[in-house]
């Protein structure tokens, strides 16, 4: 009834509209539930193979053990560390932080190179690192990584190569005292960084020995560091200068991966070795090699049979 006491009629059109809204709302809830259920049950590893190590998902073409991966390049070991926790390793020594099927990337831990003055021997002790991905399915990501140097009397070089050409990049970090050093991004004082060449598969780090020989600097900072690392989210801290906390540490590093060294057009002509085997998957050229993704509206692992699932709305 309205305020006058008269009965107010509801049109049949309004009833139909209300019913339609309720029905559509129910349908969307059902679809959302089904989509979530599909996401929760998507397989990422080969049938019968473990899909994670210590909480880190290991999607195919990667796999734990030789029978669970596409090739030796993608073999992951899941080994117990000294504190009896399990850690996934690539190449036998590189701890895996995560793997992205969509981006064709993996984040690993990479050791920091250092030069530290020993006040007892009056000598500088070096710890240099070298890594080679040449001839494998991997290369260092040139967009997300930077070559970074930390110290108050440190000049370091990195020798980069794509397996054919060699490039040297260097970075000098100097400061005569702690004054002016501030916590935050790598601004050039106490910390410097530079880009790396595209397609890099080999890196070697070295220090200029004519640096790190100042007693004035040794009084507040005896170590200098150099590293190839992911720069996103990195925050410089003055304790990196005043302590040796970075010595022997590892930093996150992004590596790109791809399948083989041919284009999609060439790979698709050889169906016996073509690895985008799921229905509703697409092939993407990725430098030397290719990647597989699920088609729009689908999700999952395109490297597995029926790995791409979803709802096209």
C-alpha atoms as a PDB file:
ATOM      1  CA  UNK A   1       0.000   0.000   0.000  1.00  0.00           C
ATOM      2  CA  UNK A   2       0.991   3.604  -0.493  1.00  0.00           C
ATOM      3  CA  UNK A   3       0.544   6.355   2.132  1.00  0.00           C
ATOM      4  CA  UNK A   4      -3.122   6.844   1.159  1.00  0.00           C
ATOM      5  CA  UNK A   5      -3.920   3.230   2.028  1.00  0.00           C
ATOM      6  CA  UNK A   6      -4.431   2.167  -1.560  1.00  0.00           C
ATOM      7  CA  UNK A   7      -2.838  -1.005  -2.870  1.00  0.00           C
ATOM      8  CA  UNK A   8       0.073  -0.280  -5.193  1.00  0.00           C
ATOM      9  CA  UNK A   9       0.338  -2.660  -8.136  1.00  0.00           C
ATOM     10  CA  UNK A  10       3.729  -3.936  -9.294  1.00  0.00           C
ATOM     11  CA  UNK A  11       3.947  -4.305 -13.050  1.00  0.00           C
ATOM     12  CA  UNK A  12       4.802  -7.651 -14.609  1.00  0.00           C
ATOM     13  CA  UNK A  13       7.782  -5.941 -16.282  1.00  0.00           C
ATOM     14  CA  UNK A  14       9.211  -4.987 -12.892  1.00  0.00           C
ATOM     15  CA  UNK A  15       8.776  -8.557 -11.665  1.00  0.00           C
ATOM     16  CA  UNK A  16      10.558  -9.929 -14.724  1.00  0.00           C
ATOM     17  CA  UNK A  17      13.377  -7.395 -14.291  1.00  0.00           C
ATOM     18  CA  UNK A  18      13.843  -8.285 -10.634  1.00  0.00           C
ATOM     19  CA  UNK A  19      13.843 -12.002 -11.450  1.00  0.00           C
ATOM     20  CA  UNK A  20      16.419 -11.460 -14.196  1.00  0.00           C
ATOM     21  CA  UNK A  21      18.725  -9.547 -11.821  1.00  0.00           C
ATOM     22  CA  UNK A  22      18.499 -12.317  -9.216  1.00  0.00           C
ATOM     23  CA  UNK A  23      19.125 -15.013 -11.843  1.00  0.00           C
ATOM     24  CA  UNK A  24      22.148 -13.195 -13.254  1.00  0.00           C
ATOM     25  CA  UNK A  25      23.562 -12.652  -9.779  1.00  0.00           C
ATOM     26  CA  UNK A  26      23.186 -16.351  -9.034  1.00  0.00           C
ATOM     27  CA  UNK A  27      24.829 -17.267 -12.351  1.00  0.00           C
ATOM     28  CA  UNK A  28      27.799 -15.000 -11.666  1.00  0.00           C
ATOM     29  CA  UNK A  29      28.249 -16.537  -8.227  1.00  0.00           C
ATOM     30  CA  UNK A  30      28.198 -20.027  -9.734  1.00  0.00           C
ATOM     31  CA  UNK A  31      30.698 -19.064 -12.438  1.00  0.00           C
ATOM     32  CA  UNK A  32      32.980 -17.398  -9.914  1.00  0.00           C
ATOM     33  CA  UNK A  33      32.829 -20.487  -7.728  1.00  0.00           C
ATOM     34  CA  UNK A  34      33.591 -22.766 -10.673  1.00  0.00           C
ATOM     35  CA  UNK A  35      36.474 -20.518 -11.760  1.00  0.00           C
ATOM     36  CA  UNK A  36      37.970 -20.583  -8.268  1.00  0.00           C
ATOM     37  CA  UNK A  37      37.533 -24.352  -8.139  1.00  0.00           C
ATOM     38  CA  UNK A  38      39.327 -24.721 -11.473  1.00  0.00           C
ATOM     39  CA  UNK A  39      42.150 -22.478 -10.264  1.00  0.00           C
ATOM     40  CA  UNK A  40      42.539 -24.503  -7.067  1.00  0.00           C
ATOM     41  CA  UNK A  41      42.815 -27.785  -8.960  1.00  0.00           C
ATOM     42  CA  UNK A  42      44.954 -26.816 -11.934  1.00  0.00           C
ATOM     43  CA  UNK A  43      47.832 -29.243 -12.334  1.00  0.00           C
ATOM     44  CA  UNK A  44      51.229 -27.635 -12.745  1.00  0.00           C
ATOM     45  CA  UNK A  45      53.522 -30.691 -12.747  1.00  0.00           C
ATOM     46  CA  UNK A  46      53.606 -33.888 -14.780  1.00  0.00           C
ATOM     47  CA  UNK A  47      51.208 -36.532 -13.440  1.00  0.00           C
ATOM     48  CA  UNK A  48      52.806 -38.435 -10.586  1.00  0.00           C
ATOM     49  CA  UNK A  49      55.469 -35.772 -10.004  1.00  0.00           C
ATOM     50  CA  UNK A  50      55.760 -33.456  -6.984  1.00  0.00           C
ATOM     51  CA  UNK A  51      54.550 -29.952  -7.761  1.00  0.00           C
ATOM     52  CA  UNK A  52      56.406 -28.046  -5.042  1.00  0.00           C
ATOM     53  CA  UNK A  53      59.454 -28.036  -2.795  1.00  0.00           C
ATOM     54  CA  UNK A  54      59.197 -26.417   0.627  1.00  0.00           C
ATOM     55  CA  UNK A  55      56.195 -24.385  -0.512  1.00  0.00           C
ATOM     56  CA  UNK A  56      57.768 -23.212  -3.780  1.00  0.00           C
ATOM     57  CA  UNK A  57      55.645 -24.342  -6.779  1.00  0.00           C
ATOM     58  CA  UNK A  58      57.661 -26.194  -9.439  1.00  0.00           C
ATOM     59  CA  UNK A  59      55.663 -26.054 -12.712  1.00  0.00           C
ATOM     60  CA  UNK A  60      56.511 -28.159 -15.762  1.00  0.00           C
ATOM     61  CA  UNK A  61      58.702 -27.855 -17.912  1.00  0.00           C
ATOM     62  CA  UNK A  62      60.634 -27.631 -14.639  1.00  0.00           C
ATOM     63  CA  UNK A  63      60.462 -30.713 -12.489  1.00  0.00           C
ATOM     64  CA  UNK A  64      61.972 -32.327  -9.421  1.00  0.00           C
ATOM     65  CA  UNK A  65      64.158 -35.123 -10.730  1.00  0.00           C
ATOM     66  CA  UNK A  66      65.159 -36.095 -14.253  1.00  0.00           C
ATOM     67  CA  UNK A  67      61.900 -37.928 -15.027  1.00  0.00           C
ATOM     68  CA  UNK A  68      59.704 -34.952 -14.125  1.00  0.00           C
ATOM     69  CA  UNK A  69      61.259 -32.184 -16.240  1.00  0.00           C
ATOM     70  CA  UNK A  70      61.426 -31.414 -19.952  1.00  0.00           C
ATOM     71  CA  UNK A  71      65.215 -31.592 -20.134  1.00  0.00           C
ATOM     72  CA  UNK A  72      68.316 -31.429 -17.971  1.00  0.00           C
ATOM     73  CA  UNK A  73      68.201 -27.612 -18.069  1.00  0.00           C
ATOM     74  CA  UNK A  74      64.902 -27.624 -16.195  1.00  0.00           C
ATOM     75  CA  UNK A  75      65.766 -30.249 -13.596  1.00  0.00           C
ATOM     76  CA  UNK A  76      65.217 -29.089 -10.022  1.00  0.00           C
ATOM     77  CA  UNK A  77      66.677 -30.738  -6.946  1.00  0.00           C
ATOM     78  CA  UNK A  78      64.815 -30.566  -3.639  1.00  0.00           C
ATOM     79  CA  UNK A  79      67.505 -31.022  -1.021  1.00  0.00           C
ATOM     80  CA  UNK A  80      67.595 -30.692   2.738  1.00  0.00           C
ATOM     81  CA  UNK A  81      69.713 -27.800   4.004  1.00  0.00           C
ATOM     82  CA  UNK A  82      71.753 -27.747   7.200  1.00  0.00           C
ATOM     83  CA  UNK A  83      68.696 -26.804   9.249  1.00  0.00           C
ATOM     84  CA  UNK A  84      66.769 -29.745   7.763  1.00  0.00           C
ATOM     85  CA  UNK A  85      64.427 -27.611   5.671  1.00  0.00           C
ATOM     86  CA  UNK A  86      64.090 -28.412   1.983  1.00  0.00           C
ATOM     87  CA  UNK A  87      65.058 -25.915  -0.703  1.00  0.00           C
ATOM     88  CA  UNK A  88      64.593 -26.166  -4.492  1.00  0.00           C
ATOM     89  CA  UNK A  89      67.806 -25.713  -6.463  1.00  0.00           C
ATOM     90  CA  UNK A  90      68.468 -25.016 -10.122  1.00  0.00           C
ATOM     91  CA  UNK A  91      71.872 -25.917 -11.595  1.00  0.00           C
ATOM     92  CA  UNK A  92      72.498 -27.747  -8.328  1.00  0.00           C
ATOM     93  CA  UNK A  93      73.453 -24.624  -6.360  1.00  0.00           C
ATOM     94  CA  UNK A  94      71.053 -21.762  -7.196  1.00  0.00           C
ATOM     95  CA  UNK A  95      68.168 -21.615  -4.733  1.00  0.00           C
ATOM     96  CA  UNK A  96      64.853 -20.983  -6.519  1.00  0.00           C
ATOM     97  CA  UNK A  97      62.590 -18.271  -5.107  1.00  0.00           C
ATOM     98  CA  UNK A  98      59.805 -18.613  -7.683  1.00  0.00           C
ATOM     99  CA  UNK A  99      59.102 -19.594 -11.289  1.00  0.00           C
ATOM    100  CA  UNK A 100      56.721 -17.803 -13.669  1.00  0.00           C
ATOM    101  CA  UNK A 101      55.182 -19.800 -16.514  1.00  0.00           C
ATOM    102  CA  UNK A 102      53.432 -16.698 -17.859  1.00  0.00           C
ATOM    103  CA  UNK A 103      56.545 -14.495 -18.031  1.00  0.00           C
ATOM    104  CA  UNK A 104      59.111 -17.181 -18.746  1.00  0.00           C
ATOM    105  CA  UNK A 105      61.188 -16.090 -15.773  1.00  0.00           C
ATOM    106  CA  UNK A 106      62.652 -17.509 -12.589  1.00  0.00           C
ATOM    107  CA  UNK A 107      64.003 -15.748  -9.517  1.00  0.00           C
ATOM    108  CA  UNK A 108      67.045 -17.326  -7.923  1.00  0.00           C
ATOM    109  CA  UNK A 109      69.563 -16.388  -5.247  1.00  0.00           C
ATOM    110  CA  UNK A 110      72.974 -15.293  -6.533  1.00  0.00           C
ATOM    111  CA  UNK A 111      76.067 -14.743  -4.344  1.00  0.00           C
ATOM    112  CA  UNK A 112      77.543 -11.331  -3.592  1.00  0.00           C
ATOM    113  CA  UNK A 113      81.174 -10.710  -4.570  1.00  0.00           C
ATOM    114  CA  UNK A 114      83.264  -8.906  -1.966  1.00  0.00           C
ATOM    115  CA  UNK A 115      86.606  -7.320  -1.176  1.00  0.00           C
ATOM    116  CA  UNK A 116      87.324  -6.891   2.537  1.00  0.00           C
ATOM    117  CA  UNK A 117      90.355  -5.423   4.257  1.00  0.00           C
ATOM    118  CA  UNK A 118      91.909  -7.727   6.859  1.00  0.00           C
ATOM    119  CA  UNK A 119      93.348  -5.560   9.633  1.00  0.00           C
ATOM    120  CA  UNK A 120      95.512  -8.427  10.894  1.00  0.00           C
ATOM    121  CA  UNK A 121      97.256  -9.293   7.633  1.00  0.00           C
ATOM    122  CA  UNK A 122      96.956  -5.766   6.229  1.00  0.00           C
ATOM    123  CA  UNK A 123      95.708  -7.371   3.013  1.00  0.00           C
ATOM    124  CA  UNK A 124      92.511  -7.128   0.994  1.00  0.00           C
ATOM    125  CA  UNK A 125      90.721 -10.463   0.666  1.00  0.00           C
ATOM    126  CA  UNK A 126      88.649 -11.070  -2.451  1.00  0.00           C
ATOM    127  CA  UNK A 127      85.644 -13.257  -3.117  1.00  0.00           C
ATOM    128  CA  UNK A 128      84.738 -13.115  -6.801  1.00  0.00           C
ATOM    129  CA  UNK A 129      81.835 -14.871  -8.497  1.00  0.00           C
ATOM    130  CA  UNK A 130      81.344 -16.152 -12.013  1.00  0.00           C
ATOM    131  CA  UNK A 131      78.238 -17.575 -13.669  1.00  0.00           C
ATOM    132  CA  UNK A 132      77.694 -19.073 -17.108  1.00  0.00           C
ATOM    133  CA  UNK A 133      74.296 -19.760 -18.673  1.00  0.00           C
ATOM    134  CA  UNK A 134      75.658 -20.004 -22.219  1.00  0.00           C
ATOM    135  CA  UNK A 135      74.401 -23.038 -24.103  1.00  0.00           C
ATOM    136  CA  UNK A 136      71.447 -23.470 -21.750  1.00  0.00           C
ATOM    137  CA  UNK A 137      67.791 -22.406 -21.858  1.00  0.00           C
ATOM    138  CA  UNK A 138      68.497 -19.376 -19.646  1.00  0.00           C
ATOM    139  CA  UNK A 139      69.837 -15.836 -19.838  1.00  0.00           C
ATOM    140  CA  UNK A 140      70.074 -12.929 -17.406  1.00  0.00           C
ATOM    141  CA  UNK A 141      67.135 -10.514 -17.556  1.00  0.00           C
ATOM    142  CA  UNK A 142      68.378  -7.086 -18.656  1.00  0.00           C
ATOM    143  CA  UNK A 143      65.286  -5.148 -17.553  1.00  0.00           C
ATOM    144  CA  UNK A 144      64.893  -6.306 -13.966  1.00  0.00           C
ATOM    145  CA  UNK A 145      68.550  -6.747 -13.007  1.00  0.00           C
ATOM    146  CA  UNK A 146      71.287  -4.194 -12.429  1.00  0.00           C
ATOM    147  CA  UNK A 147      74.991  -4.498 -11.751  1.00  0.00           C
ATOM    148  CA  UNK A 148      75.386  -2.890  -8.340  1.00  0.00           C
ATOM    149  CA  UNK A 149      78.435  -1.812  -6.340  1.00  0.00           C
ATOM    150  CA  UNK A 150      78.388  -0.892  -2.648  1.00  0.00           C
ATOM    151  CA  UNK A 151      81.273   0.629  -0.686  1.00  0.00           C
ATOM    152  CA  UNK A 152      83.141   3.823   0.072  1.00  0.00           C
ATOM    153  CA  UNK A 153      86.268   3.039  -1.914  1.00  0.00           C
ATOM    154  CA  UNK A 154      85.195   0.413  -4.404  1.00  0.00           C
ATOM    155  CA  UNK A 155      85.540   0.079  -8.161  1.00  0.00           C
ATOM    156  CA  UNK A 156      84.164  -3.137  -9.615  1.00  0.00           C
ATOM    157  CA  UNK A 157      83.742  -4.451 -13.131  1.00  0.00           C
ATOM    158  CA  UNK A 158      81.469  -7.045 -14.653  1.00  0.00           C
ATOM    159  CA  UNK A 159      82.381  -8.929 -17.784  1.00  0.00           C
ATOM    160  CA  UNK A 160      79.192  -9.736 -19.683  1.00  0.00           C
ATOM    161  CA  UNK A 161      78.891 -11.991 -22.715  1.00  0.00           C
ATOM    162  CA  UNK A 162      76.197 -13.519 -24.872  1.00  0.00           C
ATOM    163  CA  UNK A 163      78.590 -16.331 -25.727  1.00  0.00           C
ATOM    164  CA  UNK A 164      80.086 -14.458 -28.673  1.00  0.00           C
ATOM    165  CA  UNK A 165      80.713 -10.790 -27.876  1.00  0.00           C
ATOM    166  CA  UNK A 166      82.126  -9.509 -24.588  1.00  0.00           C
ATOM    167  CA  UNK A 167      81.231  -6.259 -22.847  1.00  0.00           C
ATOM    168  CA  UNK A 168      82.706  -4.694 -19.741  1.00  0.00           C
ATOM    169  CA  UNK A 169      80.707  -2.419 -17.467  1.00  0.00           C
ATOM    170  CA  UNK A 170      82.046  -0.778 -14.346  1.00  0.00           C
ATOM    171  CA  UNK A 171      80.808   1.206 -11.416  1.00  0.00           C
ATOM    172  CA  UNK A 172      82.768   3.206  -8.802  1.00  0.00           C
ATOM    173  CA  UNK A 173      81.351   3.941  -5.382  1.00  0.00           C
ATOM    174  CA  UNK A 174      83.250   6.432  -3.235  1.00  0.00           C
ATOM    175  CA  UNK A 175      82.729   8.364  -0.010  1.00  0.00           C
ATOM    176  CA  UNK A 176      85.306   9.772   2.402  1.00  0.00           C
ATOM    177  CA  UNK A 177      83.054   9.517   5.443  1.00  0.00           C
ATOM    178  CA  UNK A 178      79.622   8.397   6.538  1.00  0.00           C
ATOM    179  CA  UNK A 179      78.330  11.948   6.315  1.00  0.00           C
ATOM    180  CA  UNK A 180      75.895  12.345   3.480  1.00  0.00           C
ATOM    181  CA  UNK A 181      75.038   8.648   3.317  1.00  0.00           C
ATOM    182  CA  UNK A 182      71.307   8.067   3.614  1.00  0.00           C
ATOM    183  CA  UNK A 183      69.191   4.970   3.664  1.00  0.00           C
ATOM    184  CA  UNK A 184      67.065   4.466   0.588  1.00  0.00           C
ATOM    185  CA  UNK A 185      67.613   3.830  -3.072  1.00  0.00           C
ATOM    186  CA  UNK A 186      71.010   3.434  -4.706  1.00  0.00           C
ATOM    187  CA  UNK A 187      71.756   7.099  -5.454  1.00  0.00           C
ATOM    188  CA  UNK A 188      75.477   7.046  -6.242  1.00  0.00           C
ATOM    189  CA  UNK A 189      76.923   7.883  -2.820  1.00  0.00           C
ATOM    190  CA  UNK A 190      78.053   4.667  -1.173  1.00  0.00           C
ATOM    191  CA  UNK A 191      76.155   2.746  -3.828  1.00  0.00           C
ATOM    192  CA  UNK A 192      76.096   2.847  -7.624  1.00  0.00           C
ATOM    193  CA  UNK A 193      74.420   0.766 -10.298  1.00  0.00           C
ATOM    194  CA  UNK A 194      74.417   0.306 -14.053  1.00  0.00           C
ATOM    195  CA  UNK A 195      72.402  -1.581 -16.656  1.00  0.00           C
ATOM    196  CA  UNK A 196      73.522  -4.848 -18.228  1.00  0.00           C
ATOM    197  CA  UNK A 197      73.585  -5.798 -21.923  1.00  0.00           C
ATOM    198  CA  UNK A 198      70.656  -7.630 -23.482  1.00  0.00           C
ATOM    199  CA  UNK A 199      71.052 -11.359 -24.049  1.00  0.00           C
ATOM    200  CA  UNK A 200      73.739 -11.840 -21.406  1.00  0.00           C
ATOM    201  CA  UNK A 201      74.512 -15.464 -20.603  1.00  0.00           C
ATOM    202  CA  UNK A 202      77.927 -15.094 -18.930  1.00  0.00           C
ATOM    203  CA  UNK A 203      79.009 -12.801 -16.098  1.00  0.00           C
ATOM    204  CA  UNK A 204      82.293 -12.461 -14.245  1.00  0.00           C
ATOM    205  CA  UNK A 205      82.895  -9.950 -11.440  1.00  0.00           C
ATOM    206  CA  UNK A 206      86.231  -8.384 -10.510  1.00  0.00           C
ATOM    207  CA  UNK A 207      87.535  -5.471  -8.436  1.00  0.00           C
ATOM    208  CA  UNK A 208      90.136  -2.812  -9.165  1.00  0.00           C
ATOM    209  CA  UNK A 209      92.916  -3.468  -6.595  1.00  0.00           C
ATOM    210  CA  UNK A 210      93.981   0.182  -6.599  1.00  0.00           C
ATOM    211  CA  UNK A 211      90.823   0.893  -4.618  1.00  0.00           C
ATOM    212  CA  UNK A 212      89.984  -0.132  -1.031  1.00  0.00           C
ATOM    213  CA  UNK A 213      93.445   0.822   0.225  1.00  0.00           C
ATOM    214  CA  UNK A 214      92.586   3.905   2.275  1.00  0.00           C
ATOM    215  CA  UNK A 215      93.117   3.677   6.038  1.00  0.00           C
ATOM    216  CA  UNK A 216      90.582   6.469   6.494  1.00  0.00           C
ATOM    217  CA  UNK A 217      87.886   4.397   4.791  1.00  0.00           C
ATOM    218  CA  UNK A 218      88.941   1.208   6.574  1.00  0.00           C
ATOM    219  CA  UNK A 219      88.237   2.926   9.890  1.00  0.00           C
ATOM    220  CA  UNK A 220      84.485   2.888   9.195  1.00  0.00           C
ATOM    221  CA  UNK A 221      84.007   0.538   6.255  1.00  0.00           C
ATOM    222  CA  UNK A 222      86.416  -2.256   5.439  1.00  0.00           C
ATOM    223  CA  UNK A 223      84.368  -4.059   2.755  1.00  0.00           C
ATOM    224  CA  UNK A 224      83.164  -3.320  -0.738  1.00  0.00           C
ATOM    225  CA  UNK A 225      80.644  -5.402  -2.655  1.00  0.00           C
ATOM    226  CA  UNK A 226      79.575  -6.051  -6.233  1.00  0.00           C
ATOM    227  CA  UNK A 227      76.616  -8.055  -7.433  1.00  0.00           C
ATOM    228  CA  UNK A 228      74.220  -8.662 -10.284  1.00  0.00           C
ATOM    229  CA  UNK A 229      70.802  -8.504  -8.688  1.00  0.00           C
ATOM    230  CA  UNK A 230      67.149  -7.640  -9.111  1.00  0.00           C
ATOM    231  CA  UNK A 231      66.896  -3.926  -8.387  1.00  0.00           C
ATOM    232  CA  UNK A 232      63.144  -3.755  -7.777  1.00  0.00           C
ATOM    233  CA  UNK A 233      62.558  -3.029  -4.124  1.00  0.00           C
ATOM    234  CA  UNK A 234      66.253  -2.760  -3.237  1.00  0.00           C
ATOM    235  CA  UNK A 235      66.902  -0.242  -0.476  1.00  0.00           C
ATOM    236  CA  UNK A 236      70.425   0.894   0.329  1.00  0.00           C
ATOM    237  CA  UNK A 237      71.302   0.805   4.023  1.00  0.00           C
ATOM    238  CA  UNK A 238      74.303   2.505   5.620  1.00  0.00           C
ATOM    239  CA  UNK A 239      74.958  -0.665   7.637  1.00  0.00           C
ATOM    240  CA  UNK A 240      76.108  -2.213   4.351  1.00  0.00           C
ATOM    241  CA  UNK A 241      79.082   0.165   4.656  1.00  0.00           C
ATOM    242  CA  UNK A 242      79.773  -0.067   8.394  1.00  0.00           C
ATOM    243  CA  UNK A 243      79.408  -3.850   8.740  1.00  0.00           C
ATOM    244  CA  UNK A 244      80.344  -6.928   6.749  1.00  0.00           C
ATOM    245  CA  UNK A 245      76.740  -8.181   6.755  1.00  0.00           C
ATOM    246  CA  UNK A 246      76.682  -8.569   2.962  1.00  0.00           C
ATOM    247  CA  UNK A 247      79.789 -10.745   2.895  1.00  0.00           C
ATOM    248  CA  UNK A 248      78.840 -14.266   1.849  1.00  0.00           C
ATOM    249  CA  UNK A 249      75.201 -13.308   1.317  1.00  0.00           C
ATOM    250  CA  UNK A 250      73.001 -13.936  -1.716  1.00  0.00           C
ATOM    251  CA  UNK A 251      70.625 -11.577  -3.491  1.00  0.00           C
ATOM    252  CA  UNK A 252      67.605 -12.233  -5.749  1.00  0.00           C
ATOM    253  CA  UNK A 253      68.362 -12.384  -9.456  1.00  0.00           C
ATOM    254  CA  UNK A 254      65.932 -12.742 -12.383  1.00  0.00           C
ATOM    255  CA  UNK A 255      66.750 -15.108 -15.232  1.00  0.00           C
ATOM    256  CA  UNK A 256      64.735 -15.556 -18.420  1.00  0.00           C
ATOM    257  CA  UNK A 257      64.073 -19.009 -19.813  1.00  0.00           C
ATOM    258  CA  UNK A 258      62.709 -20.298 -23.093  1.00  0.00           C
ATOM    259  CA  UNK A 259      62.218 -23.541 -24.989  1.00  0.00           C
ATOM    260  CA  UNK A 260      64.910 -24.401 -27.524  1.00  0.00           C
ATOM    261  CA  UNK A 261      66.445 -21.815 -29.838  1.00  0.00           C
ATOM    262  CA  UNK A 262      63.935 -21.674 -32.685  1.00  0.00           C
ATOM    263  CA  UNK A 263      60.952 -19.472 -33.450  1.00  0.00           C
ATOM    264  CA  UNK A 264      57.333 -20.515 -33.025  1.00  0.00           C
ATOM    265  CA  UNK A 265      56.928 -20.974 -36.788  1.00  0.00           C
ATOM    266  CA  UNK A 266      59.817 -23.418 -36.935  1.00  0.00           C
ATOM    267  CA  UNK A 267      58.865 -25.220 -33.719  1.00  0.00           C
ATOM    268  CA  UNK A 268      55.250 -25.727 -34.798  1.00  0.00           C
ATOM    269  CA  UNK A 269      56.417 -27.550 -37.913  1.00  0.00           C
ATOM    270  CA  UNK A 270      57.945 -30.258 -35.743  1.00  0.00           C
ATOM    271  CA  UNK A 271      54.998 -31.541 -33.746  1.00  0.00           C
ATOM    272  CA  UNK A 272      57.024 -34.289 -32.077  1.00  0.00           C
ATOM    273  CA  UNK A 273      59.165 -31.767 -30.185  1.00  0.00           C
ATOM    274  CA  UNK A 274      56.698 -28.862 -29.965  1.00  0.00           C
ATOM    275  CA  UNK A 275      55.822 -28.395 -26.285  1.00  0.00           C
ATOM    276  CA  UNK A 276      52.725 -26.133 -26.346  1.00  0.00           C
ATOM    277  CA  UNK A 277      50.577 -29.259 -26.188  1.00  0.00           C
ATOM    278  CA  UNK A 278      47.502 -28.047 -24.314  1.00  0.00           C
ATOM    279  CA  UNK A 279      44.355 -27.099 -26.174  1.00  0.00           C
ATOM    280  CA  UNK A 280      43.679 -23.358 -25.922  1.00  0.00           C
ATOM    281  CA  UNK A 281      47.390 -22.524 -25.800  1.00  0.00           C
ATOM    282  CA  UNK A 282      49.470 -20.128 -27.888  1.00  0.00           C
ATOM    283  CA  UNK A 283      53.145 -19.884 -28.810  1.00  0.00           C
ATOM    284  CA  UNK A 284      55.182 -16.733 -28.183  1.00  0.00           C
ATOM    285  CA  UNK A 285      58.625 -15.960 -29.577  1.00  0.00           C
ATOM    286  CA  UNK A 286      61.042 -15.186 -26.760  1.00  0.00           C
ATOM    287  CA  UNK A 287      64.528 -14.205 -27.853  1.00  0.00           C
ATOM    288  CA  UNK A 288      66.304 -17.403 -28.803  1.00  0.00           C
ATOM    289  CA  UNK A 289      63.492 -19.882 -28.311  1.00  0.00           C
ATOM    290  CA  UNK A 290      59.792 -19.696 -27.541  1.00  0.00           C
ATOM    291  CA  UNK A 291      57.295 -19.792 -24.673  1.00  0.00           C
ATOM    292  CA  UNK A 292      53.794 -21.194 -24.308  1.00  0.00           C
ATOM    293  CA  UNK A 293      50.870 -19.322 -22.764  1.00  0.00           C
ATOM    294  CA  UNK A 294      47.211 -20.169 -22.300  1.00  0.00           C
ATOM    295  CA  UNK A 295      44.816 -18.395 -24.648  1.00  0.00           C
ATOM    296  CA  UNK A 296      42.773 -15.458 -23.382  1.00  0.00           C
ATOM    297  CA  UNK A 297      40.069 -16.667 -21.020  1.00  0.00           C
ATOM    298  CA  UNK A 298      42.036 -19.746 -19.995  1.00  0.00           C
ATOM    299  CA  UNK A 299      44.534 -20.389 -17.261  1.00  0.00           C
ATOM    300  CA  UNK A 300      46.883 -23.125 -16.178  1.00  0.00           C
ATOM    301  CA  UNK A 301      49.970 -24.799 -17.602  1.00  0.00           C
ATOM    302  CA  UNK A 302      50.124 -24.825 -21.430  1.00  0.00           C
ATOM    303  CA  UNK A 303      53.015 -27.300 -21.350  1.00  0.00           C
ATOM    304  CA  UNK A 304      50.712 -30.049 -20.022  1.00  0.00           C
ATOM    305  CA  UNK A 305      47.999 -31.943 -21.880  1.00  0.00           C
ATOM    306  CA  UNK A 306      44.693 -30.197 -21.107  1.00  0.00           C
ATOM    307  CA  UNK A 307      46.684 -27.848 -18.894  1.00  0.00           C
ATOM    308  CA  UNK A 308      44.820 -24.702 -19.979  1.00  0.00           C
ATOM    309  CA  UNK A 309      41.377 -24.579 -18.435  1.00  0.00           C
ATOM    310  CA  UNK A 310      38.896 -21.856 -17.728  1.00  0.00           C
ATOM    311  CA  UNK A 311      35.628 -20.217 -18.627  1.00  0.00           C
ATOM    312  CA  UNK A 312      35.167 -18.050 -21.697  1.00  0.00           C
ATOM    313  CA  UNK A 313      32.533 -15.483 -20.744  1.00  0.00           C
END
